[in-house]
Amino acid sequence: MNASTKKRQPQLKSLDELKICANTMSIQTITDKPGGVGNTYDSEFAIVPFDLMDDYPDHPFRLYDGERKSDMIESLRNHGILQDLILRPTENGRFHILSGHNRKYNGIEAGLTEAPSKIKHGIGDEEAWIYVVETNLMQRSFSDMLHSEKATVIALHHSKLFSQGKRNDIIAELEMLENPHISKAQATYAQVEHRLKSRDIVAKEYSLSKDTVARYLRINKLTSSLKEKLDTGIFAFIPAVTLSFLKGYEQESLNKCIDLNNFTVDMKKAETLRQYSEKGGLDDDSIYLILSGEIGQKTKPNRTPTVKVSKSTYSKYFQPSMSAKDVQNIVEKALEMYFDKQEDIA
């Protein structure tokens, strides 16, 4: 069923109108949730215009592109939006998208102006962030994610601020949204399956080395502008880990310097930047000098140049049978005589 066929639902123009029309909407209150956490969230259904929807702040996942984007636009053009977006109301009468960024933007390109949406009330920042991350994990494999996206997922799964119980409940709810015909018991089973799947995915990343997980946790501390440069290959993964130790304002200055001068950052430069930061001496000037190579590069030792004599000159003064040592002795004596004569002239 697409958005246009849901005639029974009022079109939402503002949050105040949502409250006024609440008694005419289909309201689902989740009171018995898998996992037994006991939290209660109200979910209200409404047809919400796209122009009332805002991206979730600092949304860390890239939108679809290429063939996947084209296929989705074509599907939305032919069938409409079949799966509800998940929204969270904000104080200004608008909504943050927790799940459905691609459906919104590709829907706009497909000629749609609104989408069937599930509006979540009573959830805090922690739960909202879990919705954002877990829906993206369901939609794409971990291995296909960019470095910054992997860092976000790993940081979530290892943050003490996030409750595993809440995450399990939300995963179960998302499973039921994707498969509306399954029973609650099946959703609980799906919850366990997805949890195991998530652990397997992350464990696979861990199996490379424990340091890999630590490095991704460091990557998550980069500013969004430097994360983007990592994802687009401006600098490599290991130098990016080192850059994550820079203070936030230092990272922003670094990003500006790279953009203005088209500099690159290798491991040596990253280490030098970190050393200057730790000593409190990393400013705009030192960042420029480090990236330009004027600071931090090893000086080349002075080497005695090799002098070559042309074949015609050699044959003019030396016999082919002469040894290299004899030639050297003659050259030294000739030079002594030359410079002695120069001193006499002077």
C-alpha atoms as a PDB file:
ATOM      1  CA  MET A   1       0.000   0.000   0.000  1.00  0.00           C
ATOM      2  CA  ASN A   2       1.524   3.348  -0.972  1.00  0.00           C
ATOM      3  CA  ALA A   3       1.158   6.753   0.623  1.00  0.00           C
ATOM      4  CA  SER A   4      -1.592   7.914  -1.750  1.00  0.00           C
ATOM      5  CA  THR A   5      -3.936   5.023  -0.904  1.00  0.00           C
ATOM      6  CA  LYS A   6      -4.099   5.788   2.813  1.00  0.00           C
ATOM      7  CA  LYS A   7      -7.058   8.166   2.480  1.00  0.00           C
ATOM      8  CA  ARG A   8      -8.246   7.504   6.035  1.00  0.00           C
ATOM      9  CA  GLN A   9      -5.234   9.290   7.517  1.00  0.00           C
ATOM     10  CA  PRO A  10      -5.111  13.097   7.812  1.00  0.00           C
ATOM     11  CA  GLN A  11      -2.208  14.923   6.218  1.00  0.00           C
ATOM     12  CA  LEU A  12       0.067  16.291   8.922  1.00  0.00           C
ATOM     13  CA  LYS A  13       1.018  19.972   8.612  1.00  0.00           C
ATOM     14  CA  SER A  14       2.498  20.590  12.071  1.00  0.00           C
ATOM     15  CA  LEU A  15       3.065  18.959  15.442  1.00  0.00           C
ATOM     16  CA  ASP A  16       0.150  20.910  16.934  1.00  0.00           C
ATOM     17  CA  GLU A  17      -2.135  19.515  14.261  1.00  0.00           C
ATOM     18  CA  LEU A  18      -0.843  16.054  15.071  1.00  0.00           C
ATOM     19  CA  LYS A  19      -1.979  16.517  18.685  1.00  0.00           C
ATOM     20  CA  ILE A  20      -5.372  17.803  17.601  1.00  0.00           C
ATOM     21  CA  CYS A  21      -5.881  14.905  15.197  1.00  0.00           C
ATOM     22  CA  ALA A  22      -4.431  12.229  17.432  1.00  0.00           C
ATOM     23  CA  ASN A  23      -7.809  10.672  18.182  1.00  0.00           C
ATOM     24  CA  THR A  24      -8.373  10.037  14.482  1.00  0.00           C
ATOM     25  CA  MET A  25      -5.000   8.375  13.942  1.00  0.00           C
ATOM     26  CA  SER A  26      -4.014   4.792  14.427  1.00  0.00           C
ATOM     27  CA  ILE A  27      -2.108   4.745  17.725  1.00  0.00           C
ATOM     28  CA  GLN A  28       0.081   1.880  18.854  1.00  0.00           C
ATOM     29  CA  THR A  29       1.394   1.831  22.416  1.00  0.00           C
ATOM     30  CA  ILE A  30       4.192  -0.654  23.029  1.00  0.00           C
ATOM     31  CA  THR A  31       3.732  -1.952  26.562  1.00  0.00           C
ATOM     32  CA  ASP A  32       4.891  -5.559  26.304  1.00  0.00           C
ATOM     33  CA  LYS A  33       8.170  -5.456  24.458  1.00  0.00           C
ATOM     34  CA  PRO A  34      10.573  -8.318  23.791  1.00  0.00           C
ATOM     35  CA  GLY A  35      13.379  -8.286  26.320  1.00  0.00           C
ATOM     36  CA  GLY A  36      11.149  -7.235  29.186  1.00  0.00           C
ATOM     37  CA  VAL A  37      12.702  -3.817  29.715  1.00  0.00           C
ATOM     38  CA  GLY A  38       9.313  -2.370  30.499  1.00  0.00           C
ATOM     39  CA  ASN A  39       9.711   1.025  28.770  1.00  0.00           C
ATOM     40  CA  THR A  40       6.652   2.436  27.025  1.00  0.00           C
ATOM     41  CA  TYR A  41       6.886   4.396  23.792  1.00  0.00           C
ATOM     42  CA  ASP A  42       3.877   5.789  21.919  1.00  0.00           C
ATOM     43  CA  SER A  43       3.941   5.266  18.168  1.00  0.00           C
ATOM     44  CA  GLU A  44       1.531   7.376  16.139  1.00  0.00           C
ATOM     45  CA  PHE A  45       0.882   6.910  12.452  1.00  0.00           C
ATOM     46  CA  ALA A  46       0.566   9.879  10.111  1.00  0.00           C
ATOM     47  CA  ILE A  47       1.183  10.933   6.527  1.00  0.00           C
ATOM     48  CA  VAL A  48       3.984  13.475   6.935  1.00  0.00           C
ATOM     49  CA  PRO A  49       5.121  15.962   4.255  1.00  0.00           C
ATOM     50  CA  PHE A  50       8.810  15.719   3.386  1.00  0.00           C
ATOM     51  CA  ASP A  51       9.272  19.438   4.025  1.00  0.00           C
ATOM     52  CA  LEU A  52       8.599  18.861   7.733  1.00  0.00           C
ATOM     53  CA  MET A  53      11.363  16.240   7.962  1.00  0.00           C
ATOM     54  CA  ASP A  54      14.966  17.044   8.865  1.00  0.00           C
ATOM     55  CA  ASP A  55      17.995  14.764   8.773  1.00  0.00           C
ATOM     56  CA  TYR A  56      19.016  13.365  12.110  1.00  0.00           C
ATOM     57  CA  PRO A  57      21.791  15.653  13.476  1.00  0.00           C
ATOM     58  CA  ASP A  58      25.247  14.511  12.312  1.00  0.00           C
ATOM     59  CA  HIS A  59      23.716  11.554  10.474  1.00  0.00           C
ATOM     60  CA  PRO A  60      26.799   9.366   9.910  1.00  0.00           C
ATOM     61  CA  PHE A  61      25.670   7.144   7.025  1.00  0.00           C
ATOM     62  CA  ARG A  62      25.963   7.980   3.343  1.00  0.00           C
ATOM     63  CA  LEU A  63      22.921   7.979   1.111  1.00  0.00           C
ATOM     64  CA  TYR A  64      22.500   5.440  -1.670  1.00  0.00           C
ATOM     65  CA  ASP A  65      24.096   6.210  -4.996  1.00  0.00           C
ATOM     66  CA  GLY A  66      24.563   4.591  -8.377  1.00  0.00           C
ATOM     67  CA  GLU A  67      22.398   1.654  -9.369  1.00  0.00           C
ATOM     68  CA  ARG A  68      20.944   1.158  -5.906  1.00  0.00           C
ATOM     69  CA  LYS A  69      19.675   4.741  -5.882  1.00  0.00           C
ATOM     70  CA  SER A  70      18.254   4.466  -9.416  1.00  0.00           C
ATOM     71  CA  ASP A  71      16.454   1.215  -8.581  1.00  0.00           C
ATOM     72  CA  MET A  72      14.938   2.726  -5.456  1.00  0.00           C
ATOM     73  CA  ILE A  73      13.686   5.828  -7.286  1.00  0.00           C
ATOM     74  CA  GLU A  74      12.077   3.643  -9.942  1.00  0.00           C
ATOM     75  CA  SER A  75      10.427   1.463  -7.296  1.00  0.00           C
ATOM     76  CA  LEU A  76       9.107   4.491  -5.407  1.00  0.00           C
ATOM     77  CA  ARG A  77       7.799   6.006  -8.632  1.00  0.00           C
ATOM     78  CA  ASN A  78       5.889   2.797  -9.453  1.00  0.00           C
ATOM     79  CA  HIS A  79       4.787   1.600  -6.027  1.00  0.00           C
ATOM     80  CA  GLY A  80       5.157   4.460  -3.582  1.00  0.00           C
ATOM     81  CA  ILE A  81       6.675   4.122  -0.114  1.00  0.00           C
ATOM     82  CA  LEU A  82       5.749   0.714   1.268  1.00  0.00           C
ATOM     83  CA  GLN A  83       7.637   0.863   4.566  1.00  0.00           C
ATOM     84  CA  ASP A  84       6.916   3.602   7.095  1.00  0.00           C
ATOM     85  CA  LEU A  85       9.589   6.089   7.968  1.00  0.00           C
ATOM     86  CA  ILE A  86      10.413   6.423  11.656  1.00  0.00           C
ATOM     87  CA  LEU A  87      10.378   9.988  12.946  1.00  0.00           C
ATOM     88  CA  ARG A  88      10.992  11.754  16.232  1.00  0.00           C
ATOM     89  CA  PRO A  89       9.192  15.050  16.943  1.00  0.00           C
ATOM     90  CA  THR A  90      11.313  18.108  17.738  1.00  0.00           C
ATOM     91  CA  GLU A  91      10.418  21.158  19.757  1.00  0.00           C
ATOM     92  CA  ASN A  92       9.892  23.404  16.735  1.00  0.00           C
ATOM     93  CA  GLY A  93       7.039  21.367  15.282  1.00  0.00           C
ATOM     94  CA  ARG A  94       9.260  19.474  12.874  1.00  0.00           C
ATOM     95  CA  PHE A  95      10.640  15.917  12.850  1.00  0.00           C
ATOM     96  CA  HIS A  96      14.021  14.235  12.815  1.00  0.00           C
ATOM     97  CA  ILE A  97      14.329  11.167  10.616  1.00  0.00           C
ATOM     98  CA  LEU A  98      15.454   8.119  12.583  1.00  0.00           C
ATOM     99  CA  SER A  99      14.917   5.742   9.681  1.00  0.00           C
ATOM    100  CA  GLY A 100      14.154   6.699   6.095  1.00  0.00           C
ATOM    101  CA  HIS A 101      16.682   9.244   4.831  1.00  0.00           C
ATOM    102  CA  ASN A 102      16.968   7.406   1.503  1.00  0.00           C
ATOM    103  CA  ARG A 103      13.208   7.011   1.210  1.00  0.00           C
ATOM    104  CA  LYS A 104      12.768  10.758   1.696  1.00  0.00           C
ATOM    105  CA  TYR A 105      15.373  11.977  -0.799  1.00  0.00           C
ATOM    106  CA  ASN A 106      14.739   9.311  -3.410  1.00  0.00           C
ATOM    107  CA  GLY A 107      11.007   9.802  -2.902  1.00  0.00           C
ATOM    108  CA  ILE A 108      11.406  13.483  -3.733  1.00  0.00           C
ATOM    109  CA  GLU A 109      13.246  12.550  -6.935  1.00  0.00           C
ATOM    110  CA  ALA A 110      10.446  10.101  -7.713  1.00  0.00           C
ATOM    111  CA  GLY A 111       7.910  12.940  -7.493  1.00  0.00           C
ATOM    112  CA  LEU A 112       6.496  12.184  -4.025  1.00  0.00           C
ATOM    113  CA  THR A 113       5.835  14.913  -1.453  1.00  0.00           C
ATOM    114  CA  GLU A 114       4.970  12.920   1.696  1.00  0.00           C
ATOM    115  CA  ALA A 115       5.445   9.556   3.343  1.00  0.00           C
ATOM    116  CA  PRO A 116       3.638   7.226   5.741  1.00  0.00           C
ATOM    117  CA  SER A 117       5.470   7.604   9.016  1.00  0.00           C
ATOM    118  CA  LYS A 118       5.640   6.196  12.488  1.00  0.00           C
ATOM    119  CA  ILE A 119       6.175   9.013  14.967  1.00  0.00           C
ATOM    120  CA  LYS A 120       7.983   7.952  18.119  1.00  0.00           C
ATOM    121  CA  HIS A 121       7.190   9.801  21.338  1.00  0.00           C
ATOM    122  CA  GLY A 122       8.987   9.606  24.651  1.00  0.00           C
ATOM    123  CA  ILE A 123      12.388   8.439  23.420  1.00  0.00           C
ATOM    124  CA  GLY A 124      15.644  10.060  24.426  1.00  0.00           C
ATOM    125  CA  ASP A 125      18.816  10.687  22.471  1.00  0.00           C
ATOM    126  CA  GLU A 126      20.162   7.248  23.335  1.00  0.00           C
ATOM    127  CA  GLU A 127      17.207   5.375  21.874  1.00  0.00           C
ATOM    128  CA  ALA A 128      17.048   7.693  18.860  1.00  0.00           C
ATOM    129  CA  TRP A 129      20.697   7.015  18.057  1.00  0.00           C
ATOM    130  CA  ILE A 130      20.113   3.262  18.323  1.00  0.00           C
ATOM    131  CA  TYR A 131      17.281   3.527  15.769  1.00  0.00           C
ATOM    132  CA  VAL A 132      19.572   5.420  13.381  1.00  0.00           C
ATOM    133  CA  VAL A 133      22.451   2.939  13.653  1.00  0.00           C
ATOM    134  CA  GLU A 134      20.535  -0.332  13.771  1.00  0.00           C
ATOM    135  CA  THR A 135      18.317   0.465  10.783  1.00  0.00           C
ATOM    136  CA  ASN A 136      21.420   1.109   8.716  1.00  0.00           C
ATOM    137  CA  LEU A 137      22.973  -2.157   9.883  1.00  0.00           C
ATOM    138  CA  MET A 138      19.853  -3.955   8.707  1.00  0.00           C
ATOM    139  CA  GLN A 139      19.944  -2.281   5.299  1.00  0.00           C
ATOM    140  CA  ARG A 140      23.598  -2.784   4.369  1.00  0.00           C
ATOM    141  CA  SER A 141      26.402  -5.137   5.379  1.00  0.00           C
ATOM    142  CA  PHE A 142      29.099  -3.996   7.747  1.00  0.00           C
ATOM    143  CA  SER A 143      31.816  -4.827   5.228  1.00  0.00           C
ATOM    144  CA  ASP A 144      30.275  -2.437   2.675  1.00  0.00           C
ATOM    145  CA  MET A 145      30.386   0.520   5.040  1.00  0.00           C
ATOM    146  CA  LEU A 146      32.875   3.359   4.850  1.00  0.00           C
ATOM    147  CA  HIS A 147      35.534   3.689   7.530  1.00  0.00           C
ATOM    148  CA  SER A 148      33.622   6.443   9.309  1.00  0.00           C
ATOM    149  CA  GLU A 149      30.415   4.360   9.269  1.00  0.00           C
ATOM    150  CA  LYS A 150      32.198   1.339  10.722  1.00  0.00           C
ATOM    151  CA  ALA A 151      33.623   3.581  13.424  1.00  0.00           C
ATOM    152  CA  THR A 152      30.118   4.763  14.317  1.00  0.00           C
ATOM    153  CA  VAL A 153      28.783   1.214  14.591  1.00  0.00           C
ATOM    154  CA  ILE A 154      31.701  -0.040  16.668  1.00  0.00           C
ATOM    155  CA  ALA A 155      31.546   2.998  18.943  1.00  0.00           C
ATOM    156  CA  LEU A 156      27.842   2.354  19.545  1.00  0.00           C
ATOM    157  CA  HIS A 157      28.291  -1.325  20.292  1.00  0.00           C
ATOM    158  CA  HIS A 158      31.065  -0.588  22.767  1.00  0.00           C
ATOM    159  CA  SER A 159      29.774   2.489  24.487  1.00  0.00           C
ATOM    160  CA  LYS A 160      28.886   2.132  28.158  1.00  0.00           C
ATOM    161  CA  LEU A 161      26.229   4.770  27.579  1.00  0.00           C
ATOM    162  CA  PHE A 162      24.075   2.358  25.555  1.00  0.00           C
ATOM    163  CA  SER A 163      21.954  -0.337  27.125  1.00  0.00           C
ATOM    164  CA  GLN A 164      22.011  -3.747  25.441  1.00  0.00           C
ATOM    165  CA  GLY A 165      18.443  -4.293  26.672  1.00  0.00           C
ATOM    166  CA  LYS A 166      17.156  -1.159  24.943  1.00  0.00           C
ATOM    167  CA  ARG A 167      19.042  -2.040  21.807  1.00  0.00           C
ATOM    168  CA  ASN A 168      17.555  -5.546  21.771  1.00  0.00           C
ATOM    169  CA  ASP A 169      14.036  -4.136  22.152  1.00  0.00           C
ATOM    170  CA  ILE A 170      14.511  -1.701  19.301  1.00  0.00           C
ATOM    171  CA  ILE A 171      15.995  -4.401  17.067  1.00  0.00           C
ATOM    172  CA  ALA A 172      12.929  -6.576  17.725  1.00  0.00           C
ATOM    173  CA  GLU A 173      10.613  -3.697  16.873  1.00  0.00           C
ATOM    174  CA  LEU A 174      12.497  -2.989  13.640  1.00  0.00           C
ATOM    175  CA  GLU A 175      12.244  -6.660  12.683  1.00  0.00           C
ATOM    176  CA  MET A 176       8.450  -6.440  13.081  1.00  0.00           C
ATOM    177  CA  LEU A 177       8.317  -3.242  11.000  1.00  0.00           C
ATOM    178  CA  GLU A 178      10.229  -4.935   8.177  1.00  0.00           C
ATOM    179  CA  ASN A 179       8.064  -8.066   8.474  1.00  0.00           C
ATOM    180  CA  PRO A 180       4.614  -6.866   9.645  1.00  0.00           C
ATOM    181  CA  HIS A 181       3.038 -10.304   9.257  1.00  0.00           C
ATOM    182  CA  ILE A 182       5.241 -12.092  11.779  1.00  0.00           C
ATOM    183  CA  SER A 183       4.007 -12.695  15.305  1.00  0.00           C
ATOM    184  CA  LYS A 184       5.507 -11.236  18.454  1.00  0.00           C
ATOM    185  CA  ALA A 185       7.041 -14.614  19.280  1.00  0.00           C
ATOM    186  CA  GLN A 186       8.674 -14.712  15.843  1.00  0.00           C
ATOM    187  CA  ALA A 187       9.915 -11.156  16.354  1.00  0.00           C
ATOM    188  CA  THR A 188      11.539 -12.197  19.612  1.00  0.00           C
ATOM    189  CA  TYR A 189      13.296 -15.011  17.742  1.00  0.00           C
ATOM    190  CA  ALA A 190      14.305 -12.580  15.005  1.00  0.00           C
ATOM    191  CA  GLN A 191      15.633 -10.276  17.702  1.00  0.00           C
ATOM    192  CA  VAL A 192      17.942 -13.015  18.957  1.00  0.00           C
ATOM    193  CA  GLU A 193      18.973 -13.916  15.417  1.00  0.00           C
ATOM    194  CA  HIS A 194      19.794 -10.304  14.580  1.00  0.00           C
ATOM    195  CA  ARG A 195      21.688  -9.842  17.815  1.00  0.00           C
ATOM    196  CA  LEU A 196      23.807 -12.876  17.047  1.00  0.00           C
ATOM    197  CA  LYS A 197      24.285 -11.656  13.506  1.00  0.00           C
ATOM    198  CA  SER A 198      25.429  -8.250  14.730  1.00  0.00           C
ATOM    199  CA  ARG A 199      27.866  -9.855  17.144  1.00  0.00           C
ATOM    200  CA  ASP A 200      29.217 -12.050  14.368  1.00  0.00           C
ATOM    201  CA  ILE A 201      29.723  -9.068  12.094  1.00  0.00           C
ATOM    202  CA  VAL A 202      31.589  -7.078  14.713  1.00  0.00           C
ATOM    203  CA  ALA A 203      33.487 -10.163  15.895  1.00  0.00           C
ATOM    204  CA  LYS A 204      34.717 -10.662  12.351  1.00  0.00           C
ATOM    205  CA  GLU A 205      36.196  -7.205  12.479  1.00  0.00           C
ATOM    206  CA  TYR A 206      37.733  -7.980  15.869  1.00  0.00           C
ATOM    207  CA  SER A 207      39.331 -11.133  14.559  1.00  0.00           C
ATOM    208  CA  LEU A 208      41.717  -9.058  12.468  1.00  0.00           C
ATOM    209  CA  SER A 209      43.235  -7.825  15.723  1.00  0.00           C
ATOM    210  CA  LYS A 210      42.133  -6.189  18.928  1.00  0.00           C
ATOM    211  CA  ASP A 211      44.002  -3.106  17.762  1.00  0.00           C
ATOM    212  CA  THR A 212      41.613  -2.765  14.822  1.00  0.00           C
ATOM    213  CA  VAL A 213      38.695  -2.135  17.166  1.00  0.00           C
ATOM    214  CA  ALA A 214      40.749   0.384  19.147  1.00  0.00           C
ATOM    215  CA  ARG A 215      41.679   2.140  15.908  1.00  0.00           C
ATOM    216  CA  TYR A 216      38.056   2.436  14.808  1.00  0.00           C
ATOM    217  CA  LEU A 217      37.165   3.880  18.203  1.00  0.00           C
ATOM    218  CA  ARG A 218      39.889   6.475  17.591  1.00  0.00           C
ATOM    219  CA  ILE A 219      38.570   7.160  14.071  1.00  0.00           C
ATOM    220  CA  ASN A 220      35.215   7.982  15.628  1.00  0.00           C
ATOM    221  CA  LYS A 221      36.911  10.907  17.401  1.00  0.00           C
ATOM    222  CA  LEU A 222      37.809  12.621  14.126  1.00  0.00           C
ATOM    223  CA  THR A 223      35.798  15.656  13.106  1.00  0.00           C
ATOM    224  CA  SER A 224      33.217  15.025  10.400  1.00  0.00           C
ATOM    225  CA  SER A 225      35.325  16.915   7.842  1.00  0.00           C
ATOM    226  CA  LEU A 226      38.374  14.702   8.446  1.00  0.00           C
ATOM    227  CA  LYS A 227      36.208  11.571   8.446  1.00  0.00           C
ATOM    228  CA  GLU A 228      35.033  12.575   4.990  1.00  0.00           C
ATOM    229  CA  LYS A 229      38.641  12.959   3.824  1.00  0.00           C
ATOM    230  CA  LEU A 230      39.418   9.483   5.165  1.00  0.00           C
ATOM    231  CA  ASP A 231      36.406   8.018   3.355  1.00  0.00           C
ATOM    232  CA  THR A 232      37.369   9.689   0.077  1.00  0.00           C
ATOM    233  CA  GLY A 233      41.029   8.638   0.277  1.00  0.00           C
ATOM    234  CA  ILE A 234      42.673  12.004   0.967  1.00  0.00           C
ATOM    235  CA  PHE A 235      44.699  10.182   3.596  1.00  0.00           C
ATOM    236  CA  ALA A 236      44.963   6.542   4.647  1.00  0.00           C
ATOM    237  CA  PHE A 237      43.488   4.740   7.644  1.00  0.00           C
ATOM    238  CA  ILE A 238      46.557   4.532   9.904  1.00  0.00           C
ATOM    239  CA  PRO A 239      47.552   8.221   9.535  1.00  0.00           C
ATOM    240  CA  ALA A 240      43.890   9.051  10.269  1.00  0.00           C
ATOM    241  CA  VAL A 241      44.148   7.184  13.574  1.00  0.00           C
ATOM    242  CA  THR A 242      47.131   9.363  14.518  1.00  0.00           C
ATOM    243  CA  LEU A 243      45.280  12.527  13.478  1.00  0.00           C
ATOM    244  CA  SER A 244      42.431  11.591  15.832  1.00  0.00           C
ATOM    245  CA  PHE A 245      44.677  12.526  18.758  1.00  0.00           C
ATOM    246  CA  LEU A 246      44.640  16.179  17.666  1.00  0.00           C
ATOM    247  CA  LYS A 247      42.316  18.522  19.510  1.00  0.00           C
ATOM    248  CA  GLY A 248      39.070  19.419  17.776  1.00  0.00           C
ATOM    249  CA  TYR A 249      40.098  22.942  16.807  1.00  0.00           C
ATOM    250  CA  GLU A 250      43.446  21.612  15.563  1.00  0.00           C
ATOM    251  CA  GLN A 251      41.632  19.125  13.337  1.00  0.00           C
ATOM    252  CA  GLU A 252      39.517  21.930  11.886  1.00  0.00           C
ATOM    253  CA  SER A 253      42.645  24.009  11.176  1.00  0.00           C
ATOM    254  CA  LEU A 254      44.245  20.968   9.564  1.00  0.00           C
ATOM    255  CA  ASN A 255      41.194  20.404   7.380  1.00  0.00           C
ATOM    256  CA  LYS A 256      41.230  24.033   6.220  1.00  0.00           C
ATOM    257  CA  CYS A 257      44.956  23.868   5.402  1.00  0.00           C
ATOM    258  CA  ILE A 258      44.466  20.705   3.333  1.00  0.00           C
ATOM    259  CA  ASP A 259      41.581  22.271   1.406  1.00  0.00           C
ATOM    260  CA  LEU A 260      43.415  25.537   0.677  1.00  0.00           C
ATOM    261  CA  ASN A 261      46.681  23.962  -0.453  1.00  0.00           C
ATOM    262  CA  ASN A 262      45.666  20.525  -1.738  1.00  0.00           C
ATOM    263  CA  PHE A 263      48.101  18.915   0.697  1.00  0.00           C
ATOM    264  CA  THR A 264      48.209  15.209   1.537  1.00  0.00           C
ATOM    265  CA  VAL A 265      48.992  13.642   4.896  1.00  0.00           C
ATOM    266  CA  ASP A 266      51.264  10.613   5.140  1.00  0.00           C
ATOM    267  CA  MET A 267      52.269   8.777   8.297  1.00  0.00           C
ATOM    268  CA  LYS A 268      55.370  10.929   8.910  1.00  0.00           C
ATOM    269  CA  LYS A 269      53.401  14.158   8.674  1.00  0.00           C
ATOM    270  CA  ALA A 270      50.640  12.772  10.906  1.00  0.00           C
ATOM    271  CA  GLU A 271      53.162  11.799  13.569  1.00  0.00           C
ATOM    272  CA  THR A 272      54.789  15.232  13.423  1.00  0.00           C
ATOM    273  CA  LEU A 273      51.389  16.923  13.757  1.00  0.00           C
ATOM    274  CA  ARG A 274      50.615  14.826  16.811  1.00  0.00           C
ATOM    275  CA  GLN A 275      54.012  15.593  18.393  1.00  0.00           C
ATOM    276  CA  TYR A 276      53.492  19.331  17.950  1.00  0.00           C
ATOM    277  CA  SER A 277      49.962  19.025  19.362  1.00  0.00           C
ATOM    278  CA  GLU A 278      51.162  17.189  22.462  1.00  0.00           C
ATOM    279  CA  LYS A 279      53.745  19.923  23.068  1.00  0.00           C
ATOM    280  CA  GLY A 280      51.128  22.647  22.631  1.00  0.00           C
ATOM    281  CA  GLY A 281      52.822  24.077  19.566  1.00  0.00           C
ATOM    282  CA  LEU A 282      50.401  23.172  16.780  1.00  0.00           C
ATOM    283  CA  ASP A 283      49.004  26.329  15.192  1.00  0.00           C
ATOM    284  CA  ASP A 284      48.077  27.365  11.659  1.00  0.00           C
ATOM    285  CA  ASP A 285      51.685  28.225  10.741  1.00  0.00           C
ATOM    286  CA  SER A 286      53.162  24.965  12.018  1.00  0.00           C
ATOM    287  CA  ILE A 287      50.412  22.940  10.338  1.00  0.00           C
ATOM    288  CA  TYR A 288      51.289  24.580   7.008  1.00  0.00           C
ATOM    289  CA  LEU A 289      55.036  24.019   7.468  1.00  0.00           C
ATOM    290  CA  ILE A 290      54.521  20.377   8.423  1.00  0.00           C
ATOM    291  CA  LEU A 291      52.211  19.621   5.501  1.00  0.00           C
ATOM    292  CA  SER A 292      54.458  21.456   3.044  1.00  0.00           C
ATOM    293  CA  GLY A 293      57.437  19.396   4.179  1.00  0.00           C
ATOM    294  CA  GLU A 294      59.450  22.272   5.651  1.00  0.00           C
ATOM    295  CA  ILE A 295      59.147  20.770   9.140  1.00  0.00           C
ATOM    296  CA  GLY A 296      59.603  17.141  10.033  1.00  0.00           C
ATOM    297  CA  GLN A 297      61.578  15.948   7.035  1.00  0.00           C
ATOM    298  CA  LYS A 298      65.002  14.427   7.571  1.00  0.00           C
ATOM    299  CA  THR A 299      67.890  16.492   6.242  1.00  0.00           C
ATOM    300  CA  LYS A 300      69.948  14.704   3.651  1.00  0.00           C
ATOM    301  CA  PRO A 301      73.610  14.235   4.598  1.00  0.00           C
ATOM    302  CA  ASN A 302      76.244  16.007   2.510  1.00  0.00           C
ATOM    303  CA  ARG A 303      77.741  13.526   0.091  1.00  0.00           C
ATOM    304  CA  THR A 304      80.933  13.798  -1.940  1.00  0.00           C
ATOM    305  CA  PRO A 305      79.865  14.196  -5.551  1.00  0.00           C
ATOM    306  CA  THR A 306      81.031  11.681  -8.114  1.00  0.00           C
ATOM    307  CA  VAL A 307      83.051  13.271 -10.930  1.00  0.00           C
ATOM    308  CA  LYS A 308      83.120  11.568 -14.296  1.00  0.00           C
ATOM    309  CA  VAL A 309      85.796  12.097 -16.941  1.00  0.00           C
ATOM    310  CA  SER A 310      84.860  11.790 -20.576  1.00  0.00           C
ATOM    311  CA  LYS A 311      86.317   8.913 -22.559  1.00  0.00           C
ATOM    312  CA  SER A 312      88.232  11.261 -24.874  1.00  0.00           C
ATOM    313  CA  THR A 313      89.865  13.107 -21.947  1.00  0.00           C
ATOM    314  CA  TYR A 314      90.786   9.843 -20.219  1.00  0.00           C
ATOM    315  CA  SER A 315      92.417   8.380 -23.348  1.00  0.00           C
ATOM    316  CA  LYS A 316      94.333  11.630 -23.878  1.00  0.00           C
ATOM    317  CA  TYR A 317      96.179  11.451 -20.540  1.00  0.00           C
ATOM    318  CA  PHE A 318      96.055   7.812 -19.412  1.00  0.00           C
ATOM    319  CA  GLN A 319      97.018   4.472 -20.876  1.00  0.00           C
ATOM    320  CA  PRO A 320      94.354   1.721 -20.924  1.00  0.00           C
ATOM    321  CA  SER A 321      96.716  -0.551 -18.986  1.00  0.00           C
ATOM    322  CA  MET A 322      97.046   1.838 -16.028  1.00  0.00           C
ATOM    323  CA  SER A 323      95.405   0.813 -12.755  1.00  0.00           C
ATOM    324  CA  ALA A 324      92.789   2.951 -11.036  1.00  0.00           C
ATOM    325  CA  LYS A 325      95.237   3.609  -8.201  1.00  0.00           C
ATOM    326  CA  ASP A 326      97.847   4.958 -10.602  1.00  0.00           C
ATOM    327  CA  VAL A 327      95.276   7.186 -12.257  1.00  0.00           C
ATOM    328  CA  GLN A 328      94.202   8.514  -8.876  1.00  0.00           C
ATOM    329  CA  ASN A 329      97.816   9.329  -7.895  1.00  0.00           C
ATOM    330  CA  ILE A 330      98.362  11.244 -11.108  1.00  0.00           C
ATOM    331  CA  VAL A 331      95.137  13.214 -10.671  1.00  0.00           C
ATOM    332  CA  GLU A 332      96.074  14.153  -7.085  1.00  0.00           C
ATOM    333  CA  LYS A 333      99.569  15.352  -8.121  1.00  0.00           C
ATOM    334  CA  ALA A 334      98.112  17.292 -11.030  1.00  0.00           C
ATOM    335  CA  LEU A 335      95.639  19.016  -8.765  1.00  0.00           C
ATOM    336  CA  GLU A 336      98.321  19.908  -6.231  1.00  0.00           C
ATOM    337  CA  MET A 337     100.431  21.478  -8.965  1.00  0.00           C
ATOM    338  CA  TYR A 338      97.408  23.361 -10.324  1.00  0.00           C
ATOM    339  CA  PHE A 339      96.407  24.878  -6.999  1.00  0.00           C
ATOM    340  CA  ASP A 340     100.000  25.699  -6.047  1.00  0.00           C
ATOM    341  CA  LYS A 341     100.311  27.628  -9.282  1.00  0.00           C
ATOM    342  CA  GLN A 342      97.044  29.445  -8.537  1.00  0.00           C
ATOM    343  CA  GLU A 343      98.444  30.557  -5.184  1.00  0.00           C
ATOM    344  CA  ASP A 344     101.625  31.830  -6.821  1.00  0.00           C
ATOM    345  CA  ILE A 345      99.570  33.845  -9.301  1.00  0.00           C
ATOM    346  CA  ALA A 346      97.479  35.294  -6.488  1.00  0.00           C
END
